């Protein structure tokens, strides 16, 4: 930063759609924000509003081995609940 001027690599505004979903899995309650936008293509930004963890993913990535467990730091049982509820939502878009 020079002369108190900020230099941005990218500074654009994008219209997006936010879907708020809450459900009770076998162990925990999930409160999620699902963000979609043209610039994301078939991917979504998923935000767990209870843990403040987020990841960019699409429906096919839900099946990737341990992706959800790693990105959101869920146990296997939590990840299974997450996948069961989220996969149909992502596939309908």
PDB file of N, CA and C in Angstrom:
ATOM      1  N   UNK A   1       0.843  -1.166   0.000  1.00  0.00           N
ATOM      2  CA  UNK A   1       0.000   0.000   0.000  1.00  0.00           C
ATOM      3  C   UNK A   1       0.894   1.236   0.000  1.00  0.00           C
ATOM      4  N   UNK A   2       0.670   2.076  -0.957  1.00  0.00           N
ATOM      5  CA  UNK A   2       1.455   3.293  -1.055  1.00  0.00           C
ATOM      6  C   UNK A   2       0.530   4.505  -1.031  1.00  0.00           C
ATOM      7  N   UNK A   3       0.988   5.556  -0.416  1.00  0.00           N
ATOM      8  CA  UNK A   3       0.252   6.823  -0.400  1.00  0.00           C
ATOM      9  C   UNK A   3      -1.197   6.656   0.057  1.00  0.00           C
ATOM     10  N   UNK A   4      -1.424   5.754   0.990  1.00  0.00           N
ATOM     11  CA  UNK A   4      -2.760   5.520   1.542  1.00  0.00           C
ATOM     12  C   UNK A   4      -3.797   5.159   0.481  1.00  0.00           C
ATOM     13  N   UNK A   5      -3.383   4.565  -0.607  1.00  0.00           N
ATOM     14  CA  UNK A   5      -4.302   4.102  -1.651  1.00  0.00           C
ATOM     15  C   UNK A   5      -4.372   2.588  -1.589  1.00  0.00           C
ATOM     16  N   UNK A   6      -5.574   2.071  -1.664  1.00  0.00           N
ATOM     17  CA  UNK A   6      -5.759   0.628  -1.670  1.00  0.00           C
ATOM     18  C   UNK A   6      -5.732   0.115  -3.096  1.00  0.00           C
ATOM     19  N   UNK A   7      -5.065  -0.999  -3.298  1.00  0.00           N
ATOM     20  CA  UNK A   7      -5.013  -1.622  -4.604  1.00  0.00           C
ATOM     21  C   UNK A   7      -5.771  -2.943  -4.531  1.00  0.00           C
ATOM     22  N   UNK A   8      -6.813  -3.061  -5.318  1.00  0.00           N
ATOM     23  CA  UNK A   8      -7.613  -4.278  -5.350  1.00  0.00           C
ATOM     24  C   UNK A   8      -7.218  -5.126  -6.548  1.00  0.00           C
ATOM     25  N   UNK A   9      -7.197  -6.425  -6.368  1.00  0.00           N
ATOM     26  CA  UNK A   9      -7.024  -7.336  -7.497  1.00  0.00           C
ATOM     27  C   UNK A   9      -8.351  -7.468  -8.229  1.00  0.00           C
ATOM     28  N   UNK A  10      -9.428  -7.540  -7.458  1.00  0.00           N
ATOM     29  CA  UNK A  10     -10.771  -7.641  -8.023  1.00  0.00           C
ATOM     30  C   UNK A  10     -11.731  -6.948  -7.074  1.00  0.00           C
ATOM     31  N   UNK A  11     -12.659  -6.170  -7.613  1.00  0.00           N
ATOM     32  CA  UNK A  11     -13.644  -5.474  -6.799  1.00  0.00           C
ATOM     33  C   UNK A  11     -14.914  -5.349  -7.630  1.00  0.00           C
ATOM     34  N   UNK A  12     -15.755  -6.397  -7.575  1.00  0.00           N
ATOM     35  CA  UNK A  12     -16.969  -6.447  -8.380  1.00  0.00           C
ATOM     36  C   UNK A  12     -18.161  -6.754  -7.494  1.00  0.00           C
ATOM     37  N   UNK A  13     -19.331  -6.341  -7.937  1.00  0.00           N
ATOM     38  CA  UNK A  13     -20.558  -6.709  -7.251  1.00  0.00           C
ATOM     39  C   UNK A  13     -21.265  -7.759  -8.085  1.00  0.00           C
ATOM     40  N   UNK A  14     -21.857  -8.725  -7.392  1.00  0.00           N
ATOM     41  CA  UNK A  14     -22.537  -9.831  -8.052  1.00  0.00           C
ATOM     42  C   UNK A  14     -23.874 -10.054  -7.366  1.00  0.00           C
ATOM     43  N   UNK A  15     -24.931 -10.231  -8.149  1.00  0.00           N
ATOM     44  CA  UNK A  15     -26.215 -10.600  -7.570  1.00  0.00           C
ATOM     45  C   UNK A  15     -26.157 -12.054  -7.141  1.00  0.00           C
ATOM     46  N   UNK A  16     -26.709 -12.331  -5.977  1.00  0.00           N
ATOM     47  CA  UNK A  16     -26.690 -13.703  -5.478  1.00  0.00           C
ATOM     48  C   UNK A  16     -28.027 -14.038  -4.844  1.00  0.00           C
ATOM     49  N   UNK A  17     -28.237 -15.325  -4.634  1.00  0.00           N
ATOM     50  CA  UNK A  17     -29.431 -15.830  -3.989  1.00  0.00           C
ATOM     51  C   UNK A  17     -28.988 -16.560  -2.728  1.00  0.00           C
ATOM     52  N   UNK A  18     -29.617 -16.260  -1.604  1.00  0.00           N
ATOM     53  CA  UNK A  18     -29.267 -16.915  -0.344  1.00  0.00           C
ATOM     54  C   UNK A  18     -30.482 -17.688   0.146  1.00  0.00           C
ATOM     55  N   UNK A  19     -30.275 -18.978   0.389  1.00  0.00           N
ATOM     56  CA  UNK A  19     -31.323 -19.844   0.920  1.00  0.00           C
ATOM     57  C   UNK A  19     -30.914 -20.249   2.334  1.00  0.00           C
ATOM     58  N   UNK A  20     -31.788 -20.021   3.294  1.00  0.00           N
ATOM     59  CA  UNK A  20     -31.524 -20.399   4.676  1.00  0.00           C
ATOM     60  C   UNK A  20     -32.263 -21.694   4.978  1.00  0.00           C
ATOM     61  N   UNK A  21     -31.528 -22.687   5.458  1.00  0.00           N
ATOM     62  CA  UNK A  21     -32.086 -24.013   5.719  1.00  0.00           C
ATOM     63  C   UNK A  21     -31.704 -24.427   7.128  1.00  0.00           C
ATOM     64  N   UNK A  22     -32.689 -24.895   7.897  1.00  0.00           N
ATOM     65  CA  UNK A  22     -32.434 -25.445   9.232  1.00  0.00           C
ATOM     66  C   UNK A  22     -33.048 -26.827   9.307  1.00  0.00           C
ATOM     67  N   UNK A  23     -32.336 -27.757   9.926  1.00  0.00           N
ATOM     68  CA  UNK A  23     -32.872 -29.104  10.124  1.00  0.00           C
ATOM     69  C   UNK A  23     -32.196 -29.743  11.321  1.00  0.00           C
ATOM     70  N   UNK A  24     -32.862 -30.727  11.868  1.00  0.00           N
ATOM     71  CA  UNK A  24     -32.334 -31.476  13.006  1.00  0.00           C
ATOM     72  C   UNK A  24     -31.900 -32.832  12.507  1.00  0.00           C
ATOM     73  N   UNK A  25     -30.607 -33.085  12.573  1.00  0.00           N
ATOM     74  CA  UNK A  25     -30.082 -34.386  12.210  1.00  0.00           C
ATOM     75  C   UNK A  25     -30.184 -35.336  13.390  1.00  0.00           C
ATOM     76  N   UNK A  26     -29.531 -36.469  13.290  1.00  0.00           N
ATOM     77  CA  UNK A  26     -29.555 -37.448  14.363  1.00  0.00           C
ATOM     78  C   UNK A  26     -28.870 -36.966  15.633  1.00  0.00           C
ATOM     79  N   UNK A  27     -27.878 -36.105  15.489  1.00  0.00           N
ATOM     80  CA  UNK A  27     -27.118 -35.629  16.646  1.00  0.00           C
ATOM     81  C   UNK A  27     -27.299 -34.142  16.920  1.00  0.00           C
ATOM     82  N   UNK A  28     -27.282 -33.330  15.881  1.00  0.00           N
ATOM     83  CA  UNK A  28     -27.231 -31.885  16.045  1.00  0.00           C
ATOM     84  C   UNK A  28     -28.235 -31.186  15.156  1.00  0.00           C
ATOM     85  N   UNK A  29     -28.455 -29.927  15.472  1.00  0.00           N
ATOM     86  CA  UNK A  29     -29.234 -29.046  14.618  1.00  0.00           C
ATOM     87  C   UNK A  29     -28.264 -28.354  13.662  1.00  0.00           C
ATOM     88  N   UNK A  30     -28.682 -28.208  12.422  1.00  0.00           N
ATOM     89  CA  UNK A  30     -27.894 -27.522  11.409  1.00  0.00           C
ATOM     90  C   UNK A  30     -28.652 -26.286  10.963  1.00  0.00           C
ATOM     91  N   UNK A  31     -27.974 -25.157  10.900  1.00  0.00           N
ATOM     92  CA  UNK A  31     -28.508 -23.919  10.353  1.00  0.00           C
ATOM     93  C   UNK A  31     -27.522 -23.479   9.276  1.00  0.00           C
ATOM     94  N   UNK A  32     -27.966 -23.542   8.026  1.00  0.00           N
ATOM     95  CA  UNK A  32     -27.072 -23.308   6.901  1.00  0.00           C
ATOM     96  C   UNK A  32     -27.554 -22.155   6.041  1.00  0.00           C
ATOM     97  N   UNK A  33     -26.611 -21.426   5.485  1.00  0.00           N
ATOM     98  CA  UNK A  33     -26.878 -20.449   4.431  1.00  0.00           C
ATOM     99  C   UNK A  33     -26.273 -21.018   3.158  1.00  0.00           C
ATOM    100  N   UNK A  34     -27.098 -21.123   2.121  1.00  0.00           N
ATOM    101  CA  UNK A  34     -26.658 -21.665   0.835  1.00  0.00           C
ATOM    102  C   UNK A  34     -26.690 -20.522  -0.168  1.00  0.00           C
ATOM    103  N   UNK A  35     -25.527 -20.143  -0.644  1.00  0.00           N
ATOM    104  CA  UNK A  35     -25.395 -18.974  -1.523  1.00  0.00           C
ATOM    105  C   UNK A  35     -25.113 -19.451  -2.940  1.00  0.00           C
ATOM    106  N   UNK A  36     -25.939 -18.990  -3.872  1.00  0.00           N
ATOM    107  CA  UNK A  36     -25.710 -19.301  -5.282  1.00  0.00           C
ATOM    108  C   UNK A  36     -25.605 -17.997  -6.064  1.00  0.00           C
ATOM    109  N   UNK A  37     -24.869 -18.070  -7.160  1.00  0.00           N
ATOM    110  CA  UNK A  37     -24.657 -16.891  -8.001  1.00  0.00           C
ATOM    111  C   UNK A  37     -24.194 -17.363  -9.375  1.00  0.00           C
ATOM    112  N   UNK A  38     -24.446 -16.568 -10.379  1.00  0.00           N
ATOM    113  CA  UNK A  38     -23.999 -16.919 -11.730  1.00  0.00           C
ATOM    114  C   UNK A  38     -22.490 -17.120 -11.791  1.00  0.00           C
ATOM    115  N   UNK A  39     -21.749 -16.329 -11.028  1.00  0.00           N
ATOM    116  CA  UNK A  39     -20.282 -16.429 -11.086  1.00  0.00           C
ATOM    117  C   UNK A  39     -19.769 -17.733 -10.475  1.00  0.00           C
ATOM    118  N   UNK A  40     -20.591 -18.415  -9.677  1.00  0.00           N
ATOM    119  CA  UNK A  40     -20.178 -19.682  -9.060  1.00  0.00           C
ATOM    120  C   UNK A  40     -20.470 -20.892  -9.937  1.00  0.00           C
ATOM    121  N   UNK A  41     -21.246 -20.719 -10.993  1.00  0.00           N
ATOM    122  CA  UNK A  41     -21.600 -21.842 -11.860  1.00  0.00           C
ATOM    123  C   UNK A  41     -22.431 -22.857 -11.096  1.00  0.00           C
ATOM    124  N   UNK A  42     -22.001 -24.136 -11.118  1.00  0.00           N
ATOM    125  CA  UNK A  42     -22.756 -25.188 -10.428  1.00  0.00           C
ATOM    126  C   UNK A  42     -22.335 -25.352  -8.969  1.00  0.00           C
ATOM    127  N   UNK A  43     -21.487 -24.472  -8.489  1.00  0.00           N
ATOM    128  CA  UNK A  43     -21.042 -24.545  -7.097  1.00  0.00           C
ATOM    129  C   UNK A  43     -21.846 -23.589  -6.222  1.00  0.00           C
ATOM    130  N   UNK A  44     -21.832 -23.870  -4.938  1.00  0.00           N
ATOM    131  CA  UNK A  44     -22.527 -23.067  -3.945  1.00  0.00           C
ATOM    132  C   UNK A  44     -21.551 -22.764  -2.820  1.00  0.00           C
ATOM    133  N   UNK A  45     -21.755 -21.661  -2.141  1.00  0.00           N
ATOM    134  CA  UNK A  45     -21.026 -21.408  -0.908  1.00  0.00           C
ATOM    135  C   UNK A  45     -21.967 -21.807   0.218  1.00  0.00           C
ATOM    136  N   UNK A  46     -21.539 -22.767   1.013  1.00  0.00           N
ATOM    137  CA  UNK A  46     -22.337 -23.263   2.127  1.00  0.00           C
ATOM    138  C   UNK A  46     -21.707 -22.741   3.410  1.00  0.00           C
ATOM    139  N   UNK A  47     -22.512 -22.059   4.227  1.00  0.00           N
ATOM    140  CA  UNK A  47     -22.041 -21.514   5.497  1.00  0.00           C
ATOM    141  C   UNK A  47     -22.820 -22.186   6.620  1.00  0.00           C
ATOM    142  N   UNK A  48     -22.103 -22.823   7.546  1.00  0.00           N
ATOM    143  CA  UNK A  48     -22.721 -23.361   8.753  1.00  0.00           C
ATOM    144  C   UNK A  48     -22.809 -22.201   9.735  1.00  0.00           C
ATOM    145  N   UNK A  49     -24.004 -21.719   9.972  1.00  0.00           N
ATOM    146  CA  UNK A  49     -24.192 -20.533  10.791  1.00  0.00           C
ATOM    147  C   UNK A  49     -23.933 -20.787  12.274  1.00  0.00           C
ATOM    148  N   UNK A  50     -23.896 -22.059  12.685  1.00  0.00           N
ATOM    149  CA  UNK A  50     -23.626 -22.380  14.086  1.00  0.00           C
ATOM    150  C   UNK A  50     -22.135 -22.417  14.391  1.00  0.00           C
ATOM    151  N   UNK A  51     -21.334 -22.809  13.412  1.00  0.00           N
ATOM    152  CA  UNK A  51     -19.895 -22.943  13.647  1.00  0.00           C
ATOM    153  C   UNK A  51     -19.066 -21.889  12.907  1.00  0.00           C
ATOM    154  N   UNK A  52     -19.712 -21.139  12.006  1.00  0.00           N
ATOM    155  CA  UNK A  52     -19.029 -20.139  11.175  1.00  0.00           C
ATOM    156  C   UNK A  52     -18.013 -20.757  10.226  1.00  0.00           C
ATOM    157  N   UNK A  53     -18.205 -22.010   9.888  1.00  0.00           N
ATOM    158  CA  UNK A  53     -17.343 -22.663   8.897  1.00  0.00           C
ATOM    159  C   UNK A  53     -18.068 -22.639   7.558  1.00  0.00           C
ATOM    160  N   UNK A  54     -17.300 -22.570   6.479  1.00  0.00           N
ATOM    161  CA  UNK A  54     -17.911 -22.495   5.155  1.00  0.00           C
ATOM    162  C   UNK A  54     -17.030 -23.189   4.134  1.00  0.00           C
ATOM    163  N   UNK A  55     -17.655 -23.533   3.006  1.00  0.00           N
ATOM    164  CA  UNK A  55     -16.911 -24.139   1.917  1.00  0.00           C
ATOM    165  C   UNK A  55     -17.669 -23.913   0.612  1.00  0.00           C
ATOM    166  N   UNK A  56     -16.943 -23.920  -0.476  1.00  0.00           N
ATOM    167  CA  UNK A  56     -17.542 -23.857  -1.800  1.00  0.00           C
ATOM    168  C   UNK A  56     -17.618 -25.287  -2.323  1.00  0.00           C
ATOM    169  N   UNK A  57     -18.839 -25.727  -2.686  1.00  0.00           N
ATOM    170  CA  UNK A  57     -18.990 -27.104  -3.165  1.00  0.00           C
ATOM    171  C   UNK A  57     -20.189 -27.229  -4.075  1.00  0.00           C
ATOM    172  N   UNK A  58     -20.268 -28.379  -4.760  1.00  0.00           N
ATOM    173  CA  UNK A  58     -21.442 -28.719  -5.564  1.00  0.00           C
ATOM    174  C   UNK A  58     -21.930 -30.099  -5.141  1.00  0.00           C
ATOM    175  N   UNK A  59     -23.024 -30.556  -5.731  1.00  0.00           N
ATOM    176  CA  UNK A  59     -23.654 -31.809  -5.310  1.00  0.00           C
ATOM    177  C   UNK A  59     -22.698 -32.996  -5.442  1.00  0.00           C
ATOM    178  N   UNK A  60     -21.894 -33.044  -6.486  1.00  0.00           N
ATOM    179  CA  UNK A  60     -20.990 -34.185  -6.678  1.00  0.00           C
ATOM    180  C   UNK A  60     -19.863 -34.204  -5.642  1.00  0.00           C
ATOM    181  N   UNK A  61     -19.491 -33.037  -5.128  1.00  0.00           N
ATOM    182  CA  UNK A  61     -18.425 -32.975  -4.129  1.00  0.00           C
ATOM    183  C   UNK A  61     -18.878 -33.526  -2.781  1.00  0.00           C
ATOM    184  N   UNK A  62     -20.184 -33.572  -2.550  1.00  0.00           N
ATOM    185  CA  UNK A  62     -20.691 -34.131  -1.298  1.00  0.00           C
ATOM    186  C   UNK A  62     -20.314 -35.590  -1.136  1.00  0.00           C
ATOM    187  N   UNK A  63     -20.153 -36.289  -2.272  1.00  0.00           N
ATOM    188  CA  UNK A  63     -19.803 -37.708  -2.230  1.00  0.00           C
ATOM    189  C   UNK A  63     -18.306 -37.954  -2.095  1.00  0.00           C
ATOM    190  N   UNK A  64     -17.502 -36.909  -2.240  1.00  0.00           N
ATOM    191  CA  UNK A  64     -16.054 -37.070  -2.123  1.00  0.00           C
ATOM    192  C   UNK A  64     -15.685 -37.539  -0.719  1.00  0.00           C
ATOM    193  N   UNK A  65     -14.784 -38.470  -0.655  1.00  0.00           N
ATOM    194  CA  UNK A  65     -14.381 -39.049   0.611  1.00  0.00           C
ATOM    195  C   UNK A  65     -13.841 -37.996   1.555  1.00  0.00           C
ATOM    196  N   UNK A  66     -14.500 -37.843   2.670  1.00  0.00           N
ATOM    197  CA  UNK A  66     -14.093 -36.980   3.778  1.00  0.00           C
ATOM    198  C   UNK A  66     -14.000 -35.492   3.442  1.00  0.00           C
ATOM    199  N   UNK A  67     -14.544 -35.048   2.320  1.00  0.00           N
ATOM    200  CA  UNK A  67     -14.508 -33.620   2.005  1.00  0.00           C
ATOM    201  C   UNK A  67     -15.307 -32.826   3.027  1.00  0.00           C
ATOM    202  N   UNK A  68     -16.538 -33.255   3.260  1.00  0.00           N
ATOM    203  CA  UNK A  68     -17.421 -32.551   4.200  1.00  0.00           C
ATOM    204  C   UNK A  68     -16.848 -32.606   5.613  1.00  0.00           C
ATOM    205  N   UNK A  69     -16.355 -33.764   6.012  1.00  0.00           N
ATOM    206  CA  UNK A  69     -15.782 -33.912   7.345  1.00  0.00           C
ATOM    207  C   UNK A  69     -14.620 -32.941   7.558  1.00  0.00           C
ATOM    208  N   UNK A  70     -13.798 -32.800   6.552  1.00  0.00           N
ATOM    209  CA  UNK A  70     -12.635 -31.909   6.662  1.00  0.00           C
ATOM    210  C   UNK A  70     -13.041 -30.435   6.604  1.00  0.00           C
ATOM    211  N   UNK A  71     -13.856 -30.075   5.611  1.00  0.00           N
ATOM    212  CA  UNK A  71     -14.201 -28.665   5.402  1.00  0.00           C
ATOM    213  C   UNK A  71     -14.977 -28.078   6.576  1.00  0.00           C
ATOM    214  N   UNK A  72     -15.888 -28.869   7.146  1.00  0.00           N
ATOM    215  CA  UNK A  72     -16.731 -28.351   8.221  1.00  0.00           C
ATOM    216  C   UNK A  72     -16.358 -28.916   9.595  1.00  0.00           C
ATOM    217  N   UNK A  73     -15.362 -29.759   9.613  1.00  0.00           N
ATOM    218  CA  UNK A  73     -14.904 -30.411  10.857  1.00  0.00           C
ATOM    219  C   UNK A  73     -16.053 -31.145  11.543  1.00  0.00           C
ATOM    220  N   UNK A  74     -16.797 -31.924  10.740  1.00  0.00           N
ATOM    221  CA  UNK A  74     -17.893 -32.744  11.243  1.00  0.00           C
ATOM    222  C   UNK A  74     -17.406 -34.155  11.520  1.00  0.00           C
ATOM    223  N   UNK A  75     -18.064 -34.814  12.445  1.00  0.00           N
ATOM    224  CA  UNK A  75     -17.841 -36.248  12.638  1.00  0.00           C
ATOM    225  C   UNK A  75     -18.498 -36.972  11.462  1.00  0.00           C
ATOM    226  N   UNK A  76     -18.261 -38.261  11.346  1.00  0.00           N
ATOM    227  CA  UNK A  76     -18.861 -39.050  10.266  1.00  0.00           C
ATOM    228  C   UNK A  76     -20.384 -38.993  10.337  1.00  0.00           C
ATOM    229  N   UNK A  77     -20.945 -39.105  11.533  1.00  0.00           N
ATOM    230  CA  UNK A  77     -22.404 -39.066  11.689  1.00  0.00           C
ATOM    231  C   UNK A  77     -22.978 -37.695  11.328  1.00  0.00           C
ATOM    232  N   UNK A  78     -22.313 -36.637  11.741  1.00  0.00           N
ATOM    233  CA  UNK A  78     -22.757 -35.287  11.383  1.00  0.00           C
ATOM    234  C   UNK A  78     -22.686 -35.082   9.871  1.00  0.00           C
ATOM    235  N   UNK A  79     -21.610 -35.535   9.256  1.00  0.00           N
ATOM    236  CA  UNK A  79     -21.436 -35.396   7.812  1.00  0.00           C
ATOM    237  C   UNK A  79     -22.503 -36.173   7.055  1.00  0.00           C
ATOM    238  N   UNK A  80     -22.875 -37.345   7.546  1.00  0.00           N
ATOM    239  CA  UNK A  80     -23.924 -38.132   6.900  1.00  0.00           C
ATOM    240  C   UNK A  80     -25.261 -37.395   6.932  1.00  0.00           C
ATOM    241  N   UNK A  81     -25.598 -36.791   8.060  1.00  0.00           N
ATOM    242  CA  UNK A  81     -26.822 -35.983   8.163  1.00  0.00           C
ATOM    243  C   UNK A  81     -26.761 -34.797   7.207  1.00  0.00           C
ATOM    244  N   UNK A  82     -25.638 -34.104   7.206  1.00  0.00           N
ATOM    245  CA  UNK A  82     -25.418 -32.948   6.333  1.00  0.00           C
ATOM    246  C   UNK A  82     -25.653 -33.327   4.878  1.00  0.00           C
ATOM    247  N   UNK A  83     -25.058 -34.440   4.445  1.00  0.00           N
ATOM    248  CA  UNK A  83     -25.197 -34.897   3.060  1.00  0.00           C
ATOM    249  C   UNK A  83     -26.654 -35.258   2.735  1.00  0.00           C
ATOM    250  N   UNK A  84     -27.304 -35.963   3.655  1.00  0.00           N
ATOM    251  CA  UNK A  84     -28.677 -36.428   3.411  1.00  0.00           C
ATOM    252  C   UNK A  84     -29.624 -35.265   3.155  1.00  0.00           C
ATOM    253  N   UNK A  85     -29.474 -34.186   3.889  1.00  0.00           N
ATOM    254  CA  UNK A  85     -30.362 -33.041   3.718  1.00  0.00           C
ATOM    255  C   UNK A  85     -29.907 -32.117   2.592  1.00  0.00           C
ATOM    256  N   UNK A  86     -28.618 -31.949   2.432  1.00  0.00           N
ATOM    257  CA  UNK A  86     -28.110 -30.947   1.496  1.00  0.00           C
ATOM    258  C   UNK A  86     -28.105 -31.419   0.047  1.00  0.00           C
ATOM    259  N   UNK A  87     -27.841 -32.680  -0.189  1.00  0.00           N
ATOM    260  CA  UNK A  87     -27.720 -33.170  -1.569  1.00  0.00           C
ATOM    261  C   UNK A  87     -28.981 -32.916  -2.395  1.00  0.00           C
ATOM    262  N   UNK A  88     -30.185 -33.230  -1.902  1.00  0.00           N
ATOM    263  CA  UNK A  88     -31.373 -32.938  -2.711  1.00  0.00           C
ATOM    264  C   UNK A  88     -31.559 -31.440  -2.988  1.00  0.00           C
ATOM    265  N   UNK A  89     -31.203 -30.611  -2.031  1.00  0.00           N
ATOM    266  CA  UNK A  89     -31.325 -29.165  -2.211  1.00  0.00           C
ATOM    267  C   UNK A  89     -30.401 -28.674  -3.317  1.00  0.00           C
ATOM    268  N   UNK A  90     -29.161 -29.150  -3.313  1.00  0.00           N
ATOM    269  CA  UNK A  90     -28.201 -28.715  -4.327  1.00  0.00           C
ATOM    270  C   UNK A  90     -28.554 -29.257  -5.700  1.00  0.00           C
ATOM    271  N   UNK A  91     -29.120 -30.454  -5.751  1.00  0.00           N
ATOM    272  CA  UNK A  91     -29.454 -31.055  -7.049  1.00  0.00           C
ATOM    273  C   UNK A  91     -30.661 -30.395  -7.712  1.00  0.00           C
ATOM    274  N   UNK A  92     -31.532 -29.778  -6.926  1.00  0.00           N
ATOM    275  CA  UNK A  92     -32.715 -29.140  -7.517  1.00  0.00           C
ATOM    276  C   UNK A  92     -32.382 -27.805  -8.179  1.00  0.00           C
ATOM    277  N   UNK A  93     -31.225 -27.265  -7.895  1.00  0.00           N
ATOM    278  CA  UNK A  93     -30.816 -25.985  -8.499  1.00  0.00           C
ATOM    279  C   UNK A  93     -29.966 -26.205  -9.724  1.00  0.00           C
TER     280      UNK A  93
END
